[in-house]
Amino acid sequence: MNALQRRKPKLSFWQIWNMSFGFLGIQFGFALQNGNVSRIFETLGASVDSIPILWIAAPVTGLIVQPIVGHLSDKTWNRFGRRRPFFLVGAILASAALLIMPNSPGLWFAAGMLWIMDASINITMEPFRAFVGDMLSDEQRTHGFAMQSFFIGIGAFVASWLPWMMTHWLDIPNTAPPGEIPPSVSYSFYAGGLVFFLAVLVTVWKTKEYSPDELAAFEESREQESSSVKSLETVKTSSYFRNHFIVWTIGGLGVSSLIYFLELKSELYILSGGIIVFGLLQGISASLTRQGKTDSGFYTIIHDLHTMPATMRQLAVVQFFSWFALFAMWIYTTNAVANHLYHTSDPGSELYNTAANWVSGMFGWYNLFAAAVAFLLPKMAARTSRRLTHSLSLLIGAIGLSSIYLLSNPDHLIYSMIGIGVAWASILSMPYAILTGSLPSDKMGVYMGIFNFFIVIPQILAASILGFLVKDLFAGEAIYALLLGGGSLVIAAIITLFVRDN
């Protein structure tokens, strides 16, 4: 059989639709979590200052769960398939968590449910990225990830407005006695749990996966990419990991010392602690290598992190700067708009809450714009290239985010959201379409999980340093955090032009 015969068959629009439909449910879960969990925490007695610590569950959970699930799904094959068992298990757990969350009896129970809910959503989400790589040829992967972007946009838009719909369309109360979750929020979570499960079930029921033998046959036509990864695996020795253990651990301790002696904000210990933990993981890997215990999942994940293909390394830098900008936007847009456009800094005032509600609505709109743009990006990529398409999209997003600084009328935020929506649609599709062309099929899951590191790490970094920068460098003016985010998107756009796209 020649290479042409081993290519994956072209799937129809509706086949790609069905295999991506589960992302509608996943985004329902994420949007409800992102938009309402802080409200639940505050209702159950959390102070505003403690909320970021409670939220640290989300990035840490993704950092741990996604590479593990990716590695396990790479090694799985049974009558339910390769990735679909994880879709189903994650959907059942996440749906249950969505049902339980608004009924939390206390703050720490709710914090624990956030960990469970985020882990469950990650169990479902991570294999979905690898699923596109498994099922689609290089020529169709851009369309596959664009379809995921479409469902992410639609799901986020509807779920973001769901509590409002419950109140204004169904007359469900939006208030409750102290210490109780408003019924509009509770019923939104119940609806979200149902949508999550049913949407994932559509993908599980309607999609048939390729067997390991079929994937191996398809992979033979991409031996050059696969062998380049495998050749790198032989060079990582015990001394290599030991050296990394020494450098990273000492570096983390040094940063911790600077934070202590300079009396910097305590949140920065999250950054130094992360550096130390990464160093310790290298030490464990050195010990496993020295003992010849290199067949464990832990070693595989750490080893594969160090042997990423060149394209993945380049995209990792693009992702870092892209997602740093996004987290700056998500964290500070409400405060920036309230101060810059509504001229209030009092979170308890009616005007500040009006600004917050307006920003929430605008975030829903940029997701809808992303859904509208999602199917245009593959056409643009076909006429130019995926690199140029992504670079231009990031520049448009940088203009949109930075333009908030120039506005004087809150109504004009909708124009900024158009640019942000274009960038968001591309961030959710183009890097993954480029990445999957450089990955061997037998490591698609674990590398997708590792790729998530470069989404989570900027989130942890943003949580660590943005507060320090806004307070001490920007004199409390959050609008400059948005300009910093715009600059970060420009850097990502420039780096994208140098990414190798196979």
Protein backbone atom coordinates (compact mmCIF):
# COMPACT_ATOMS: atom_id res chain seq x y z
CA MET A 1 0.00 0.00 0.00
CA ASN A 2 1.52 3.35 -1.00
CA ALA A 3 1.48 6.58 1.00
CA LEU A 4 -1.45 7.99 -0.97
CA GLN A 5 -3.58 4.95 -0.11
CA ARG A 6 -2.73 5.26 3.57
CA ARG A 7 -4.07 8.80 3.87
CA LYS A 8 -7.08 9.27 6.09
CA PRO A 9 -10.34 9.51 4.19
CA LYS A 10 -11.91 12.94 3.88
CA LEU A 11 -14.80 13.41 6.30
CA SER A 12 -18.00 15.26 5.44
CA PHE A 13 -19.13 18.52 7.05
CA TRP A 14 -21.64 16.67 9.22
CA GLN A 15 -19.11 14.07 10.33
CA ILE A 16 -16.82 16.90 11.52
CA TRP A 17 -19.87 18.58 13.08
CA ASN A 18 -20.75 15.43 15.07
CA MET A 19 -17.19 14.78 16.25
CA SER A 20 -16.92 18.39 17.49
CA PHE A 21 -20.43 18.77 18.93
CA GLY A 22 -19.31 17.72 22.41
CA PHE A 23 -17.38 20.97 22.71
CA LEU A 24 -20.73 22.78 22.96
CA GLY A 25 -21.32 20.99 26.25
CA ILE A 26 -17.74 21.45 27.45
CA GLN A 27 -17.95 25.20 26.91
CA PHE A 28 -21.30 25.33 28.69
CA GLY A 29 -19.53 23.89 31.72
CA PHE A 30 -16.55 26.23 31.50
CA ALA A 31 -18.67 29.34 30.90
CA LEU A 32 -20.96 28.62 33.84
CA GLN A 33 -17.93 27.92 36.01
CA ASN A 34 -16.04 31.05 34.96
CA GLY A 35 -19.05 33.35 35.19
CA ASN A 36 -20.66 32.19 38.41
CA VAL A 37 -18.29 30.33 40.74
CA SER A 38 -16.85 33.55 42.23
CA ARG A 39 -20.44 34.62 42.92
CA ILE A 40 -21.08 31.29 44.66
CA PHE A 41 -17.90 31.67 46.71
CA GLU A 42 -18.87 35.18 47.84
CA THR A 43 -22.40 34.04 48.66
CA LEU A 44 -20.97 31.30 50.89
CA GLY A 45 -18.79 33.78 52.76
CA ALA A 46 -15.54 34.18 50.82
CA SER A 47 -13.85 37.57 50.97
CA VAL A 48 -12.87 39.25 47.72
CA ASP A 49 -9.17 38.90 48.63
CA SER A 50 -9.45 35.12 49.07
CA ILE A 51 -11.18 34.38 45.76
CA PRO A 52 -7.98 34.22 43.63
CA ILE A 53 -6.55 31.58 45.97
CA LEU A 54 -9.74 29.52 45.70
CA TRP A 55 -9.56 29.84 41.91
CA ILE A 56 -6.02 28.47 41.74
CA ALA A 57 -7.71 25.07 41.46
CA ALA A 58 -8.50 25.65 37.80
CA PRO A 59 -4.99 26.10 36.34
CA VAL A 60 -3.35 23.60 38.69
CA THR A 61 -5.96 20.97 37.87
CA GLY A 62 -5.45 21.47 34.13
CA LEU A 63 -1.69 21.33 34.55
CA ILE A 64 -1.90 17.94 36.25
CA VAL A 65 -4.89 16.26 34.64
CA GLN A 66 -4.48 16.98 30.93
CA PRO A 67 -1.08 15.34 30.29
CA ILE A 68 -2.08 12.33 32.40
CA VAL A 69 -5.35 11.89 30.52
CA GLY A 70 -3.54 12.43 27.22
CA HIS A 71 -0.99 9.74 28.04
CA LEU A 72 -3.66 7.29 29.20
CA SER A 73 -5.86 7.88 26.16
CA ASP A 74 -2.87 7.26 23.86
CA LYS A 75 -2.57 3.81 25.45
CA THR A 76 -6.29 2.98 25.50
CA TRP A 77 -8.26 0.86 23.06
CA ASN A 78 -11.47 -1.04 23.82
CA ARG A 79 -14.90 -1.55 22.32
CA PHE A 80 -15.77 2.08 23.11
CA GLY A 81 -12.71 3.38 21.26
CA ARG A 82 -9.62 5.34 22.22
CA ARG A 83 -10.72 8.83 23.22
CA ARG A 84 -14.47 8.28 23.60
CA PRO A 85 -14.25 6.43 26.95
CA PHE A 86 -12.66 9.55 28.43
CA PHE A 87 -15.33 11.77 26.82
CA LEU A 88 -18.05 9.72 28.50
CA VAL A 89 -16.47 9.35 31.95
CA GLY A 90 -15.56 13.05 32.07
CA ALA A 91 -19.06 14.06 30.95
CA ILE A 92 -20.74 11.98 33.65
CA LEU A 93 -18.48 13.40 36.38
CA ALA A 94 -18.67 17.00 35.12
CA SER A 95 -22.46 16.89 34.77
CA ALA A 96 -22.77 15.55 38.32
CA ALA A 97 -20.47 18.32 39.57
CA LEU A 98 -22.55 20.97 37.80
CA LEU A 99 -25.67 19.62 39.53
CA ILE A 100 -24.03 19.56 42.96
CA MET A 101 -22.09 22.86 42.84
CA PRO A 102 -25.03 25.27 43.44
CA ASN A 103 -26.16 23.09 46.36
CA SER A 104 -22.84 23.37 48.21
CA PRO A 105 -23.51 23.61 51.97
CA GLY A 106 -20.35 25.63 52.68
CA LEU A 107 -17.40 27.46 51.18
CA TRP A 108 -14.81 24.70 51.38
CA PHE A 109 -17.27 22.17 49.96
CA ALA A 110 -17.76 24.54 47.00
CA ALA A 111 -13.98 24.94 46.61
CA GLY A 112 -13.63 21.15 46.56
CA MET A 113 -16.40 20.89 43.97
CA LEU A 114 -14.52 23.38 41.80
CA TRP A 115 -11.51 21.05 41.80
CA ILE A 116 -13.71 18.07 40.92
CA MET A 117 -15.65 19.98 38.27
CA ASP A 118 -12.52 21.38 36.63
CA ALA A 119 -10.78 17.99 36.67
CA SER A 120 -13.85 16.34 35.13
CA ILE A 121 -14.14 18.95 32.38
CA ASN A 122 -10.43 18.49 31.64
CA ILE A 123 -10.88 14.71 31.41
CA THR A 124 -13.41 15.32 28.63
CA MET A 125 -11.72 18.27 26.92
CA GLU A 126 -8.13 17.08 26.52
CA PRO A 127 -8.92 14.04 24.34
CA PHE A 128 -11.15 16.21 22.13
CA ARG A 129 -8.07 18.10 20.88
CA ALA A 130 -6.24 14.83 20.16
CA PHE A 131 -9.46 13.46 18.60
CA VAL A 132 -9.19 15.92 15.70
CA GLY A 133 -5.60 14.83 15.14
CA ASP A 134 -6.68 11.18 15.15
CA MET A 135 -9.66 11.52 12.85
CA LEU A 136 -8.73 14.17 10.28
CA SER A 137 -6.04 14.45 7.64
CA ASP A 138 -3.62 17.37 7.69
CA GLU A 139 -5.74 19.08 5.03
CA GLN A 140 -8.92 18.94 7.15
CA ARG A 141 -7.54 19.65 10.62
CA THR A 142 -7.89 23.40 10.22
CA HIS A 143 -11.60 22.86 9.51
CA GLY A 144 -11.87 20.49 12.49
CA PHE A 145 -10.43 22.94 14.98
CA ALA A 146 -12.46 25.77 13.42
CA MET A 147 -15.58 23.71 14.09
CA GLN A 148 -14.50 23.38 17.71
CA SER A 149 -14.04 27.17 17.83
CA PHE A 150 -17.58 27.58 16.52
CA PHE A 151 -19.09 25.41 19.24
CA ILE A 152 -16.93 27.06 21.90
CA GLY A 153 -18.22 30.48 20.82
CA ILE A 154 -21.86 29.43 20.73
CA GLY A 155 -21.65 27.54 24.01
CA ALA A 156 -19.90 30.39 25.81
CA PHE A 157 -22.37 32.99 24.51
CA VAL A 158 -25.49 31.07 25.53
CA ALA A 159 -24.13 29.88 28.88
CA SER A 160 -22.90 33.37 29.77
CA TRP A 161 -26.41 34.73 29.35
CA LEU A 162 -28.18 31.71 30.89
CA PRO A 163 -28.80 33.19 34.39
CA TRP A 164 -30.14 36.36 32.71
CA MET A 165 -32.43 34.23 30.52
CA MET A 166 -33.68 32.31 33.55
CA THR A 167 -34.63 35.58 35.25
CA HIS A 168 -36.01 37.59 32.33
CA TRP A 169 -37.58 34.86 30.21
CA LEU A 170 -38.70 32.32 32.83
CA ASP A 171 -39.24 34.67 35.82
CA ILE A 172 -36.89 32.64 38.02
CA PRO A 173 -35.63 34.81 40.93
CA ASN A 174 -32.13 36.27 40.67
CA THR A 175 -31.82 36.90 44.40
CA ALA A 176 -31.86 34.69 47.50
CA PRO A 177 -31.53 35.00 51.29
CA PRO A 178 -27.98 35.49 52.62
CA GLY A 179 -25.88 32.35 52.27
CA GLU A 180 -28.12 30.82 49.58
CA ILE A 181 -27.44 30.56 45.85
CA PRO A 182 -29.99 32.45 43.68
CA PRO A 183 -32.38 30.07 41.88
CA SER A 184 -31.44 31.57 38.49
CA VAL A 185 -27.86 30.40 39.04
CA SER A 186 -28.89 26.98 40.35
CA TYR A 187 -31.20 26.25 37.43
CA SER A 188 -28.54 27.46 34.99
CA PHE A 189 -26.12 24.89 36.42
CA TYR A 190 -28.78 22.17 36.16
CA ALA A 191 -29.42 23.06 32.52
CA GLY A 192 -25.66 23.19 31.92
CA GLY A 193 -25.17 19.71 33.36
CA LEU A 194 -27.84 18.31 31.04
CA VAL A 195 -26.45 20.09 27.96
CA PHE A 196 -22.90 18.97 28.82
CA PHE A 197 -23.86 15.30 29.01
CA LEU A 198 -26.13 15.26 25.97
CA ALA A 199 -23.70 17.18 23.74
CA VAL A 200 -20.82 14.83 24.56
CA LEU A 201 -23.14 11.85 24.10
CA VAL A 202 -23.82 13.00 20.52
CA THR A 203 -20.10 12.80 19.73
CA VAL A 204 -19.71 9.43 21.47
CA TRP A 205 -22.73 7.98 19.69
CA LYS A 206 -22.22 9.47 16.23
CA THR A 207 -18.45 9.06 15.75
CA LYS A 208 -16.46 5.90 15.08
CA GLU A 209 -12.74 6.00 15.87
CA TYR A 210 -9.93 4.47 13.86
CA SER A 211 -8.33 1.39 15.38
CA PRO A 212 -4.66 1.40 16.45
CA ASP A 213 -3.78 -0.66 13.36
CA GLU A 214 -5.48 1.86 11.08
CA LEU A 215 -3.73 4.77 12.80
CA ALA A 216 -0.41 2.96 12.49
CA ALA A 217 -0.99 2.53 8.77
CA PHE A 218 -1.84 6.21 8.37
CA GLU A 219 1.26 7.12 10.36
CA GLU A 220 3.60 5.36 7.93
CA SER A 221 3.10 8.23 5.47
CA ARG A 222 4.45 10.62 8.10
CA GLU A 223 7.55 8.67 9.13
CA GLN A 224 9.86 11.65 8.85
CA GLU A 225 8.01 13.66 11.52
CA SER A 226 7.62 10.63 13.76
CA SER A 227 11.25 9.55 13.53
CA SER A 228 12.48 13.07 14.30
CA VAL A 229 10.65 12.93 17.59
CA LYS A 230 11.87 9.44 18.44
CA SER A 231 15.48 10.30 17.67
CA LEU A 232 15.38 13.04 20.28
CA GLU A 233 14.22 10.60 22.95
CA THR A 234 17.57 8.78 23.15
CA VAL A 235 19.60 11.83 24.27
CA LYS A 236 17.91 12.53 27.60
CA THR A 237 20.16 10.94 30.24
CA SER A 238 20.13 10.90 34.03
CA SER A 239 22.74 13.67 34.09
CA TYR A 240 20.58 15.79 31.78
CA PHE A 241 17.65 15.65 34.22
CA ARG A 242 19.97 16.08 37.22
CA ASN A 243 21.39 19.28 35.75
CA HIS A 244 17.88 20.62 35.17
CA PHE A 245 16.98 19.68 38.75
CA ILE A 246 19.88 21.72 40.09
CA VAL A 247 19.28 24.77 37.88
CA TRP A 248 15.52 24.99 38.35
CA THR A 249 15.51 24.25 42.08
CA ILE A 250 18.25 26.77 42.86
CA GLY A 251 16.53 29.28 40.58
CA GLY A 252 13.22 28.84 42.41
CA LEU A 253 14.88 29.20 45.81
CA GLY A 254 16.66 32.32 44.57
CA VAL A 255 13.40 33.90 43.39
CA SER A 256 11.78 33.02 46.74
CA SER A 257 14.64 34.71 48.57
CA LEU A 258 14.23 37.87 46.49
CA ILE A 259 10.51 37.97 47.21
CA TYR A 260 11.18 37.58 50.93
CA PHE A 261 14.01 40.08 51.34
CA LEU A 262 12.44 42.69 49.04
CA GLU A 263 9.08 42.19 50.82
CA LEU A 264 7.23 41.75 47.53
CA LYS A 265 3.62 40.59 47.26
CA SER A 266 3.03 37.10 48.65
CA GLU A 267 1.28 36.03 45.44
CA LEU A 268 4.71 35.92 43.79
CA TYR A 269 5.49 32.83 45.86
CA ILE A 270 3.15 30.98 43.48
CA LEU A 271 5.67 31.68 40.73
CA SER A 272 8.76 30.70 42.73
CA GLY A 273 7.00 27.64 44.13
CA GLY A 274 6.13 26.50 40.63
CA ILE A 275 9.79 26.81 39.59
CA ILE A 276 10.89 24.71 42.58
CA VAL A 277 8.27 22.03 41.90
CA PHE A 278 9.39 21.81 38.26
CA GLY A 279 12.97 21.35 39.47
CA LEU A 280 11.92 18.57 41.84
CA LEU A 281 10.15 16.79 38.98
CA GLN A 282 13.43 16.82 37.06
CA GLY A 283 15.13 15.25 40.09
CA ILE A 284 12.56 12.46 40.19
CA SER A 285 13.07 11.90 36.45
CA ALA A 286 16.85 11.70 36.97
CA SER A 287 16.35 9.03 39.65
CA LEU A 288 13.96 7.01 37.45
CA THR A 289 16.41 7.20 34.53
CA ARG A 290 19.30 6.04 36.71
CA GLN A 291 17.22 3.07 37.95
CA GLY A 292 16.08 2.18 34.44
CA LYS A 293 12.41 2.81 35.31
CA THR A 294 11.62 4.67 32.11
CA ASP A 295 8.34 2.96 31.23
CA SER A 296 6.17 4.85 33.75
CA GLY A 297 3.61 7.43 32.71
CA PHE A 298 5.27 10.07 34.89
CA TYR A 299 8.62 9.63 33.19
CA THR A 300 7.01 9.60 29.74
CA ILE A 301 5.29 12.95 30.33
CA ILE A 302 8.42 14.67 31.68
CA HIS A 303 10.59 13.13 28.97
CA ASP A 304 8.20 14.11 26.19
CA LEU A 305 8.15 17.66 27.56
CA HIS A 306 11.90 17.85 26.90
CA THR A 307 11.66 16.22 23.46
CA MET A 308 8.90 18.35 21.96
CA PRO A 309 9.09 18.71 18.15
CA ALA A 310 10.50 22.04 16.93
CA THR A 311 7.08 23.25 15.75
CA MET A 312 5.60 22.59 19.19
CA ARG A 313 8.41 24.51 20.90
CA GLN A 314 7.79 27.51 18.67
CA LEU A 315 4.03 27.36 19.16
CA ALA A 316 4.53 27.08 22.93
CA VAL A 317 6.03 30.59 22.93
CA VAL A 318 3.15 31.88 20.79
CA GLN A 319 0.63 30.32 23.18
CA PHE A 320 2.38 31.78 26.21
CA PHE A 321 2.10 35.38 25.01
CA SER A 322 -1.41 34.83 23.56
CA TRP A 323 -2.86 33.41 26.76
CA PHE A 324 -1.06 35.90 29.00
CA ALA A 325 -2.95 38.60 27.10
CA LEU A 326 -6.24 36.74 27.50
CA PHE A 327 -5.81 36.34 31.25
CA ALA A 328 -4.92 40.01 31.60
CA MET A 329 -8.17 40.79 29.79
CA TRP A 330 -10.33 38.39 31.83
CA ILE A 331 -8.89 39.56 35.15
CA TYR A 332 -8.85 43.33 34.63
CA THR A 333 -11.40 44.40 32.00
CA THR A 334 -14.18 44.93 34.54
CA ASN A 335 -12.03 47.14 36.76
CA ALA A 336 -10.50 48.93 33.77
CA VAL A 337 -13.87 49.72 32.18
CA ALA A 338 -15.40 50.81 35.50
CA ASN A 339 -12.52 53.22 36.16
CA HIS A 340 -11.79 54.38 32.62
CA LEU A 341 -15.29 54.64 31.15
CA TYR A 342 -17.65 54.83 34.14
CA HIS A 343 -15.24 56.78 36.37
CA THR A 344 -15.85 54.76 39.51
CA SER A 345 -13.64 52.52 41.60
CA ASP A 346 -16.18 51.55 44.26
CA PRO A 347 -17.13 47.86 43.77
CA GLY A 348 -20.17 48.37 45.98
CA SER A 349 -21.65 51.18 43.90
CA GLU A 350 -24.51 50.76 41.46
CA LEU A 351 -22.41 52.35 38.71
CA TYR A 352 -19.56 49.86 39.19
CA ASN A 353 -22.00 46.93 38.99
CA THR A 354 -23.52 48.44 35.87
CA ALA A 355 -20.03 48.43 34.35
CA ALA A 356 -19.47 44.84 35.48
CA ASN A 357 -22.75 43.69 33.91
CA TRP A 358 -21.87 45.49 30.69
CA VAL A 359 -18.44 43.84 30.51
CA SER A 360 -20.02 40.43 31.13
CA GLY A 361 -22.36 41.00 28.22
CA MET A 362 -19.52 42.19 26.01
CA PHE A 363 -17.56 39.02 26.79
CA GLY A 364 -20.55 37.06 25.56
CA TRP A 365 -20.49 39.03 22.32
CA TYR A 366 -16.81 38.39 21.57
CA ASN A 367 -17.54 34.67 21.87
CA LEU A 368 -20.39 35.07 19.38
CA PHE A 369 -18.10 37.00 17.01
CA ALA A 370 -15.58 34.16 17.35
CA ALA A 371 -18.24 31.64 16.34
CA ALA A 372 -19.12 33.76 13.30
CA VAL A 373 -15.48 34.09 12.23
CA ALA A 374 -14.53 30.45 12.88
CA PHE A 375 -15.46 29.19 9.40
CA LEU A 376 -13.80 32.10 7.60
CA LEU A 377 -10.35 31.38 9.04
CA PRO A 378 -9.81 28.07 7.18
CA LYS A 379 -10.69 29.78 3.89
CA MET A 380 -8.19 32.55 4.61
CA ALA A 381 -5.57 29.98 5.62
CA ALA A 382 -6.13 28.07 2.37
CA ARG A 383 -5.52 31.25 0.35
CA THR A 384 -2.50 32.38 2.38
CA SER A 385 -1.13 30.16 5.15
CA ARG A 386 -2.08 29.15 8.67
CA ARG A 387 0.85 31.14 10.05
CA LEU A 388 -0.15 34.37 8.33
CA THR A 389 -3.82 33.87 9.19
CA HIS A 390 -3.03 33.40 12.86
CA SER A 391 -0.56 36.28 12.94
CA LEU A 392 -3.05 38.72 11.39
CA SER A 393 -5.80 37.49 13.72
CA LEU A 394 -3.60 38.13 16.75
CA LEU A 395 -2.78 41.63 15.48
CA ILE A 396 -6.50 42.36 15.04
CA GLY A 397 -7.03 41.13 18.60
CA ALA A 398 -4.21 43.37 19.85
CA ILE A 399 -5.87 46.37 18.21
CA GLY A 400 -9.23 45.42 19.71
CA LEU A 401 -7.89 44.97 23.23
CA SER A 402 -5.71 48.08 23.18
CA SER A 403 -8.49 50.20 21.67
CA ILE A 404 -10.39 50.09 24.98
CA TYR A 405 -7.88 52.67 26.22
CA LEU A 406 -9.05 55.10 23.51
CA LEU A 407 -12.78 54.74 24.15
CA SER A 408 -14.94 57.28 25.94
CA ASN A 409 -18.35 55.64 25.40
CA PRO A 410 -19.08 52.17 26.87
CA ASP A 411 -21.38 51.42 23.94
CA HIS A 412 -18.33 51.41 21.67
CA LEU A 413 -16.87 48.40 23.50
CA ILE A 414 -18.71 46.24 20.99
CA TYR A 415 -16.19 47.30 18.33
CA SER A 416 -13.27 46.26 20.53
CA MET A 417 -14.98 42.90 21.04
CA ILE A 418 -15.02 42.26 17.28
CA GLY A 419 -11.22 42.34 17.18
CA ILE A 420 -10.94 40.23 20.32
CA GLY A 421 -13.40 37.72 18.86
CA VAL A 422 -11.29 37.31 15.71
CA ALA A 423 -8.19 36.59 17.81
CA TRP A 424 -10.12 34.23 20.10
CA ALA A 425 -11.41 32.18 17.16
CA SER A 426 -7.89 31.83 15.79
CA ILE A 427 -6.28 31.04 19.16
CA LEU A 428 -8.73 28.15 19.57
CA SER A 429 -8.00 26.64 16.17
CA MET A 430 -4.87 27.66 14.24
CA PRO A 431 -2.17 26.66 16.77
CA TYR A 432 -3.74 23.21 17.12
CA ALA A 433 -4.10 22.77 13.37
CA ILE A 434 -0.41 23.62 12.94
CA LEU A 435 0.65 21.50 15.92
CA THR A 436 -1.05 18.24 14.96
CA GLY A 437 0.84 18.12 11.68
CA SER A 438 4.10 17.79 13.62
CA LEU A 439 3.01 15.09 16.09
CA PRO A 440 3.17 11.29 15.78
CA SER A 441 -0.23 9.65 16.25
CA ASP A 442 0.93 7.45 19.13
CA LYS A 443 1.77 10.54 21.20
CA MET A 444 -1.03 12.86 20.04
CA GLY A 445 -2.80 12.78 23.41
CA VAL A 446 0.19 13.30 25.70
CA TYR A 447 1.58 16.12 23.55
CA MET A 448 -1.80 17.85 23.50
CA GLY A 449 -1.81 17.61 27.28
CA ILE A 450 1.72 19.02 27.49
CA PHE A 451 0.73 21.79 25.08
CA ASN A 452 -1.83 22.84 27.68
CA PHE A 453 1.10 23.74 29.98
CA PHE A 454 1.63 26.83 27.87
CA ILE A 455 -1.93 27.93 28.54
CA VAL A 456 -1.77 27.24 32.27
CA ILE A 457 1.71 28.66 32.95
CA PRO A 458 0.82 32.18 31.71
CA GLN A 459 -2.36 31.98 33.78
CA ILE A 460 -0.34 31.23 36.92
CA LEU A 461 2.18 33.93 35.95
CA ALA A 462 -0.63 36.43 35.39
CA ALA A 463 -2.10 35.60 38.80
CA SER A 464 1.35 36.05 40.33
CA ILE A 465 2.63 39.29 38.78
CA LEU A 466 -0.25 41.30 37.31
CA GLY A 467 -1.48 42.43 40.72
CA PHE A 468 2.03 43.58 41.57
CA LEU A 469 2.38 45.43 38.24
CA VAL A 470 -1.01 47.13 38.43
CA LYS A 471 -0.51 48.29 42.00
CA ASP A 472 3.15 49.30 41.98
CA LEU A 473 3.95 50.09 38.35
CA PHE A 474 0.61 51.26 36.93
CA ALA A 475 -0.53 53.14 40.08
CA GLY A 476 -3.71 51.08 40.32
CA GLU A 477 -4.82 51.88 36.74
CA ALA A 478 -6.03 48.52 35.42
CA ILE A 479 -6.42 49.91 31.90
CA TYR A 480 -2.65 49.59 31.50
CA ALA A 481 -2.92 45.84 32.11
CA LEU A 482 -5.07 45.72 28.97
CA LEU A 483 -2.44 47.64 27.04
CA LEU A 484 0.13 45.15 28.34
CA GLY A 485 -2.11 42.38 27.02
CA GLY A 486 -2.32 44.09 23.64
CA GLY A 487 1.48 44.28 23.51
CA SER A 488 1.68 40.58 24.43
CA LEU A 489 -0.59 39.73 21.46
CA VAL A 490 1.67 41.74 19.15
CA ILE A 491 4.69 39.72 20.33
CA ALA A 492 2.76 36.50 19.73
CA ALA A 493 1.79 37.67 16.23
CA ILE A 494 5.41 38.36 15.31
CA ILE A 495 6.67 35.02 16.65
CA THR A 496 3.93 33.18 14.74
CA LEU A 497 5.49 34.21 11.43
CA PHE A 498 8.58 32.13 12.29
CA VAL A 499 6.74 28.96 13.28
CA ARG A 500 7.47 25.90 11.16
CA ASP A 501 4.22 24.60 9.63
CA ASN A 502 4.41 21.15 8.05
